[in-house]
Amino acid sequence: MKKFKSLFISIMVLVTAVVATTILAGCTKYEFTKAVALRAEDQELEEYAFAVKKGNTAMLDKLNAFFSLDSTKQLIDKSLEYHTGVTQEKPITASVLNDNTGAEITMVTEAGFAPYEYEGGGEGAVNQVIGVDVDLMIAFAEANNFKLKLKNTEFKSVIPEVAGDDMYIGAAGITVTEERKEQVDFANPYIKTIQYIISDEANSYKTIDQLAGLKVGFQASTTGQFVVEDFNKAIEEGEIDAKAIAEKSYDKVMAAYQDLKNGKIAAIVIDEYVAKGLVENDKK
């Protein structure tokens, strides 16, 4: 009997140790003092574009004509400066929409991706959302006499929403990809950007492979997610000899940033201006 009792105790001790190790591994605490956003040196440039329902050439032609204007290019520069805090001069106001009498269009977006779209009121806001893409949609609506509405949804829902309605325009810092081209048509790109890594200044990660074995956050359905997943897939297929990145998906990038500050994740992979904006605004 004593032998069985000793064996039982030994097994229970082993199980407890395994469970404890698993719990600790899932609750890794990362030190945080000060955030830094650095360019991911092993990544390539990507392009943002507005999206319309596939085959909607009439709306696509209007968008392409709009983005070819010098005034639009100037607006993009001014809007980026304003929404990243470089200047206090507002580039546009939503009041210009009041006199529009044409058809109604809807900007479909996810208002958690500053400086492109984020929640805020006052001049330049549509449905309590402001940002670079909002400024552009206001100017586009004014140029074409459209009444403008805004639908705020999850980022992963933007493309499906646009794919189903001729009067919907996806404007949400959307990266042009071959997979997305199968679902919607894209206007000419208006922004070139690259992935950045946000981490604690003591680490200052600059490449994705430096994140191996760490818990890393990203906004769902964004390029940040695809980059992390591609890295882990390469490990699975034997192309890379490294520990997998522990993936953590968020609907809102601000939630990821808060977890970074609370030591729940080691880094965030996100687009350039979004990364810079998060870090710079946190200093204020």
Protein backbone atom coordinates (compact mmCIF):
# COMPACT_ATOMS: atom_id res chain seq x y z
CA MET A 1 0.00 0.00 0.00
CA LYS A 2 2.82 2.38 0.85
CA LYS A 3 4.35 1.83 -2.57
CA PHE A 4 1.11 2.78 -4.30
CA LYS A 5 0.71 5.78 -2.02
CA SER A 6 4.24 6.95 -2.77
CA LEU A 7 3.68 6.43 -6.49
CA PHE A 8 0.43 8.40 -6.34
CA ILE A 9 2.13 11.26 -4.52
CA SER A 10 4.97 11.29 -7.05
CA ILE A 11 2.54 11.43 -9.97
CA MET A 12 0.58 14.27 -8.32
CA VAL A 13 3.78 16.25 -7.74
CA LEU A 14 4.77 15.78 -11.37
CA VAL A 15 1.34 16.81 -12.68
CA THR A 16 1.33 19.86 -10.41
CA ALA A 17 4.78 20.87 -11.68
CA VAL A 18 3.70 20.52 -15.31
CA VAL A 19 0.51 22.52 -14.75
CA ALA A 20 2.43 25.22 -12.86
CA THR A 21 5.00 25.45 -15.65
CA THR A 22 2.24 25.74 -18.26
CA ILE A 23 0.50 28.49 -16.31
CA LEU A 24 3.72 30.43 -15.83
CA ALA A 25 4.58 30.10 -19.52
CA GLY A 26 1.20 31.52 -20.46
CA CYS A 27 1.61 34.43 -18.02
CA THR A 28 5.08 35.59 -18.94
CA LYS A 29 5.72 39.08 -17.59
CA TYR A 30 7.73 41.43 -19.79
CA GLU A 31 9.54 44.42 -18.34
CA PHE A 32 8.33 47.78 -19.62
CA THR A 33 9.71 51.25 -19.02
CA LYS A 34 9.45 53.26 -22.23
CA ALA A 35 8.02 52.40 -25.66
CA VAL A 36 10.01 52.77 -28.86
CA ALA A 37 8.81 52.26 -32.45
CA LEU A 38 11.43 51.05 -34.92
CA ARG A 39 11.27 50.11 -38.58
CA ALA A 40 11.26 46.36 -39.18
CA GLU A 41 14.42 46.20 -41.27
CA ASP A 42 13.55 42.84 -42.82
CA GLN A 43 10.20 44.02 -44.26
CA GLU A 44 9.26 45.53 -47.63
CA LEU A 45 7.17 48.59 -48.41
CA GLU A 46 3.42 48.09 -48.79
CA GLU A 47 0.71 50.29 -50.32
CA TYR A 48 -2.63 51.53 -48.98
CA ALA A 49 -5.62 52.10 -51.23
CA PHE A 50 -9.37 52.70 -51.02
CA ALA A 51 -11.53 49.71 -51.96
CA VAL A 52 -14.81 49.41 -53.88
CA LYS A 53 -17.11 46.58 -54.88
CA LYS A 54 -15.56 44.42 -57.59
CA GLY A 55 -16.57 45.64 -61.05
CA ASN A 56 -17.70 49.07 -59.79
CA THR A 57 -15.75 50.94 -62.46
CA ALA A 58 -17.80 54.13 -62.14
CA MET A 59 -16.77 54.68 -58.50
CA LEU A 60 -13.25 53.42 -59.17
CA ASP A 61 -12.77 55.98 -61.98
CA LYS A 62 -13.95 58.79 -59.69
CA LEU A 63 -11.52 57.72 -56.97
CA ASN A 64 -8.59 57.44 -59.37
CA ALA A 65 -9.33 60.89 -60.79
CA PHE A 66 -9.46 62.27 -57.24
CA PHE A 67 -6.15 60.70 -56.20
CA SER A 68 -4.42 61.99 -59.34
CA LEU A 69 -5.04 65.62 -58.33
CA ASP A 70 -2.16 67.67 -56.94
CA SER A 71 -4.56 69.10 -54.37
CA THR A 72 -5.25 65.57 -53.08
CA LYS A 73 -1.54 64.84 -52.73
CA GLN A 74 -1.13 68.08 -50.79
CA LEU A 75 -4.09 67.17 -48.59
CA ILE A 76 -2.50 63.80 -47.74
CA ASP A 77 0.70 65.51 -46.61
CA LYS A 78 -1.15 68.12 -44.55
CA SER A 79 -3.47 65.54 -43.06
CA LEU A 80 -0.61 63.27 -41.99
CA GLU A 81 1.13 66.22 -40.35
CA TYR A 82 -2.01 67.20 -38.47
CA HIS A 83 -3.08 63.76 -37.30
CA THR A 84 0.44 62.86 -36.14
CA GLY A 85 0.74 66.11 -34.20
CA VAL A 86 3.36 67.82 -36.38
CA THR A 87 1.05 70.80 -36.92
CA GLN A 88 -2.13 72.15 -35.31
CA GLU A 89 -3.56 73.43 -38.59
CA LYS A 90 -6.64 71.38 -39.50
CA PRO A 91 -6.51 70.30 -43.14
CA ILE A 92 -10.28 70.04 -43.74
CA THR A 93 -13.69 70.45 -42.13
CA ALA A 94 -16.75 68.22 -42.45
CA SER A 95 -19.02 71.27 -42.76
CA VAL A 96 -18.28 71.36 -46.50
CA LEU A 97 -20.55 68.32 -46.81
CA ASN A 98 -23.66 70.24 -45.77
CA ASP A 99 -24.35 71.58 -49.26
CA ASN A 100 -23.89 68.26 -51.08
CA THR A 101 -27.09 67.09 -52.78
CA GLY A 102 -26.00 63.99 -54.69
CA ALA A 103 -26.18 60.27 -53.92
CA GLU A 104 -25.23 58.90 -50.52
CA ILE A 105 -21.95 57.02 -50.12
CA THR A 106 -20.67 55.23 -47.02
CA MET A 107 -17.10 55.13 -45.81
CA VAL A 108 -16.53 51.73 -44.20
CA THR A 109 -13.69 51.82 -41.68
CA GLU A 110 -12.37 50.72 -38.28
CA ALA A 111 -11.81 53.73 -36.05
CA GLY A 112 -8.86 52.44 -34.07
CA PHE A 113 -6.04 53.00 -36.52
CA ALA A 114 -4.68 56.49 -35.91
CA PRO A 115 -3.63 58.60 -37.75
CA TYR A 116 -5.78 57.15 -40.54
CA GLU A 117 -9.05 56.83 -38.59
CA TYR A 118 -9.74 57.19 -34.90
CA GLU A 119 -12.50 58.39 -32.62
CA GLY A 120 -12.82 62.13 -32.10
CA GLY A 121 -15.24 65.01 -32.53
CA GLY A 122 -15.17 68.60 -33.72
CA GLU A 123 -14.37 69.90 -37.17
CA GLY A 124 -13.35 67.26 -39.66
CA ALA A 125 -15.29 64.49 -37.88
CA VAL A 126 -17.84 62.23 -39.53
CA ASN A 127 -19.92 60.15 -37.14
CA GLN A 128 -17.40 61.01 -34.39
CA VAL A 129 -14.47 59.64 -36.41
CA ILE A 130 -11.49 61.69 -37.65
CA GLY A 131 -8.21 60.94 -39.43
CA VAL A 132 -6.36 61.02 -42.73
CA ASP A 133 -8.81 58.71 -44.48
CA VAL A 134 -11.76 60.72 -43.18
CA ASP A 135 -10.24 63.93 -44.52
CA LEU A 136 -9.78 62.28 -47.90
CA MET A 137 -13.32 60.94 -47.98
CA ILE A 138 -14.71 64.38 -47.10
CA ALA A 139 -12.75 65.95 -49.95
CA PHE A 140 -13.75 63.16 -52.34
CA ALA A 141 -17.44 63.53 -51.44
CA GLU A 142 -17.27 67.29 -51.90
CA ALA A 143 -15.56 66.96 -55.29
CA ASN A 144 -18.29 64.61 -56.51
CA ASN A 145 -21.32 66.13 -54.70
CA PHE A 146 -21.86 62.97 -52.60
CA LYS A 147 -23.52 62.91 -49.21
CA LEU A 148 -21.14 61.10 -46.88
CA LYS A 149 -21.92 58.62 -44.13
CA LEU A 150 -19.47 56.55 -42.10
CA LYS A 151 -19.79 52.97 -40.86
CA ASN A 152 -17.42 52.00 -38.06
CA THR A 153 -16.86 48.24 -37.89
CA GLU A 154 -14.14 45.67 -37.15
CA PHE A 155 -11.24 45.81 -39.61
CA LYS A 156 -11.78 42.19 -40.70
CA SER A 157 -15.33 43.15 -41.75
CA VAL A 158 -14.38 46.11 -43.97
CA ILE A 159 -13.62 44.13 -47.15
CA PRO A 160 -16.74 41.90 -46.91
CA GLU A 161 -18.92 44.97 -46.32
CA VAL A 162 -17.50 46.79 -49.35
CA ALA A 163 -17.78 43.68 -51.53
CA GLY A 164 -21.54 43.73 -51.11
CA ASP A 165 -22.54 47.34 -51.86
CA ASP A 166 -21.84 49.68 -54.81
CA MET A 167 -22.09 52.77 -52.59
CA TYR A 168 -19.61 51.56 -49.97
CA ILE A 169 -15.97 52.61 -50.03
CA GLY A 170 -13.42 50.88 -47.84
CA ALA A 171 -11.10 53.50 -46.36
CA ALA A 172 -9.26 52.00 -43.41
CA GLY A 173 -5.54 51.97 -44.09
CA ILE A 174 -6.07 48.89 -46.25
CA THR A 175 -2.94 47.24 -47.65
CA VAL A 176 -3.30 46.07 -51.25
CA THR A 177 -2.80 42.30 -51.44
CA GLU A 178 -3.50 39.69 -54.11
CA GLU A 179 -5.98 37.94 -51.83
CA ARG A 180 -7.95 41.15 -51.26
CA LYS A 181 -7.91 41.92 -55.00
CA GLU A 182 -9.98 38.78 -55.49
CA GLN A 183 -12.73 40.29 -53.30
CA VAL A 184 -12.68 44.02 -54.16
CA ASP A 185 -11.18 46.50 -56.61
CA PHE A 186 -8.60 49.00 -55.38
CA ALA A 187 -8.13 52.61 -56.43
CA ASN A 188 -4.61 53.89 -57.08
CA PRO A 189 -2.50 53.67 -53.88
CA TYR A 190 -2.18 56.88 -51.88
CA ILE A 191 0.27 55.83 -49.14
CA LYS A 192 3.43 53.74 -49.02
CA THR A 193 4.30 52.37 -45.62
CA ILE A 194 6.22 49.60 -43.86
CA GLN A 195 5.84 47.51 -40.73
CA TYR A 196 7.25 48.79 -37.45
CA ILE A 197 7.91 46.99 -34.19
CA ILE A 198 6.90 48.62 -30.93
CA SER A 199 8.75 47.34 -27.88
CA ASP A 200 10.41 48.51 -24.71
CA GLU A 201 13.38 50.81 -25.33
CA ALA A 202 15.68 48.34 -23.52
CA ASN A 203 14.98 45.78 -26.27
CA SER A 204 14.47 47.98 -29.36
CA TYR A 205 13.61 45.10 -31.67
CA LYS A 206 14.33 45.82 -35.34
CA THR A 207 13.66 42.50 -37.10
CA ILE A 208 10.93 39.90 -36.89
CA ASP A 209 13.38 37.10 -36.10
CA GLN A 210 14.35 38.96 -32.90
CA LEU A 211 10.79 38.27 -31.72
CA ALA A 212 11.26 34.48 -31.85
CA GLY A 213 10.03 32.83 -28.67
CA LEU A 214 8.27 35.99 -27.46
CA LYS A 215 4.61 36.88 -27.15
CA VAL A 216 3.78 39.42 -29.84
CA GLY A 217 0.61 41.38 -30.51
CA PHE A 218 -0.99 42.59 -33.75
CA GLN A 219 -4.32 43.93 -34.94
CA ALA A 220 -6.47 41.20 -36.46
CA SER A 221 -6.40 40.87 -40.27
CA THR A 222 -3.62 43.45 -40.71
CA THR A 223 -0.21 43.02 -42.28
CA GLY A 224 1.27 42.71 -38.79
CA GLN A 225 -0.66 39.49 -38.32
CA PHE A 226 0.40 38.15 -41.72
CA VAL A 227 4.07 38.89 -41.01
CA VAL A 228 4.03 37.03 -37.68
CA GLU A 229 2.07 34.11 -39.15
CA ASP A 230 4.46 33.85 -42.12
CA PHE A 231 7.41 33.68 -39.72
CA ASN A 232 5.81 30.88 -37.73
CA LYS A 233 4.85 29.04 -40.91
CA ALA A 234 8.48 29.17 -42.07
CA ILE A 235 9.50 27.59 -38.77
CA GLU A 236 6.94 24.79 -39.20
CA GLU A 237 8.19 24.08 -42.70
CA GLY A 238 11.82 23.95 -41.59
CA GLU A 239 12.88 27.10 -43.43
CA ILE A 240 13.83 28.85 -40.18
CA ASP A 241 15.45 27.31 -37.13
CA ALA A 242 13.95 29.29 -34.26
CA LYS A 243 11.31 29.27 -31.55
CA ALA A 244 7.84 30.23 -32.73
CA ILE A 245 6.37 33.62 -31.89
CA ALA A 246 3.46 33.37 -29.46
CA GLU A 247 0.69 35.16 -31.37
CA LYS A 248 -1.77 37.53 -29.68
CA SER A 249 -4.53 39.02 -31.84
CA TYR A 250 -6.46 42.21 -30.98
CA ASP A 251 -9.49 43.87 -32.55
CA LYS A 252 -8.11 47.27 -31.51
CA VAL A 253 -4.43 48.20 -31.69
CA MET A 254 -4.82 50.40 -28.60
CA ALA A 255 -5.64 47.27 -26.58
CA ALA A 256 -2.38 45.72 -27.79
CA TYR A 257 -0.47 48.82 -26.79
CA GLN A 258 -2.00 48.74 -23.33
CA ASP A 259 -0.97 45.09 -22.92
CA LEU A 260 2.57 46.02 -23.99
CA LYS A 261 2.71 48.66 -21.27
CA ASN A 262 1.32 46.20 -18.74
CA GLY A 263 4.01 43.66 -19.58
CA LYS A 264 1.61 41.09 -21.07
CA ILE A 265 3.29 41.06 -24.50
CA ALA A 266 6.86 41.78 -25.60
CA ALA A 267 6.15 43.70 -28.80
CA ILE A 268 3.59 44.81 -31.38
CA VAL A 269 3.95 44.57 -35.16
CA ILE A 270 1.98 47.36 -36.84
CA ASP A 271 2.17 49.90 -39.66
CA GLU A 272 4.61 52.82 -39.57
CA TYR A 273 2.46 55.88 -38.86
CA VAL A 274 0.24 53.94 -36.46
CA ALA A 275 3.30 52.81 -34.48
CA LYS A 276 4.80 56.30 -34.42
CA GLY A 277 1.47 57.81 -33.41
CA LEU A 278 0.97 55.42 -30.50
CA VAL A 279 4.40 56.09 -29.07
CA GLU A 280 4.42 59.85 -29.64
CA ASN A 281 0.90 60.42 -28.30
CA ASP A 282 1.78 58.43 -25.20
CA LYS A 283 4.47 60.99 -24.37
CA LYS A 284 1.96 63.83 -24.19
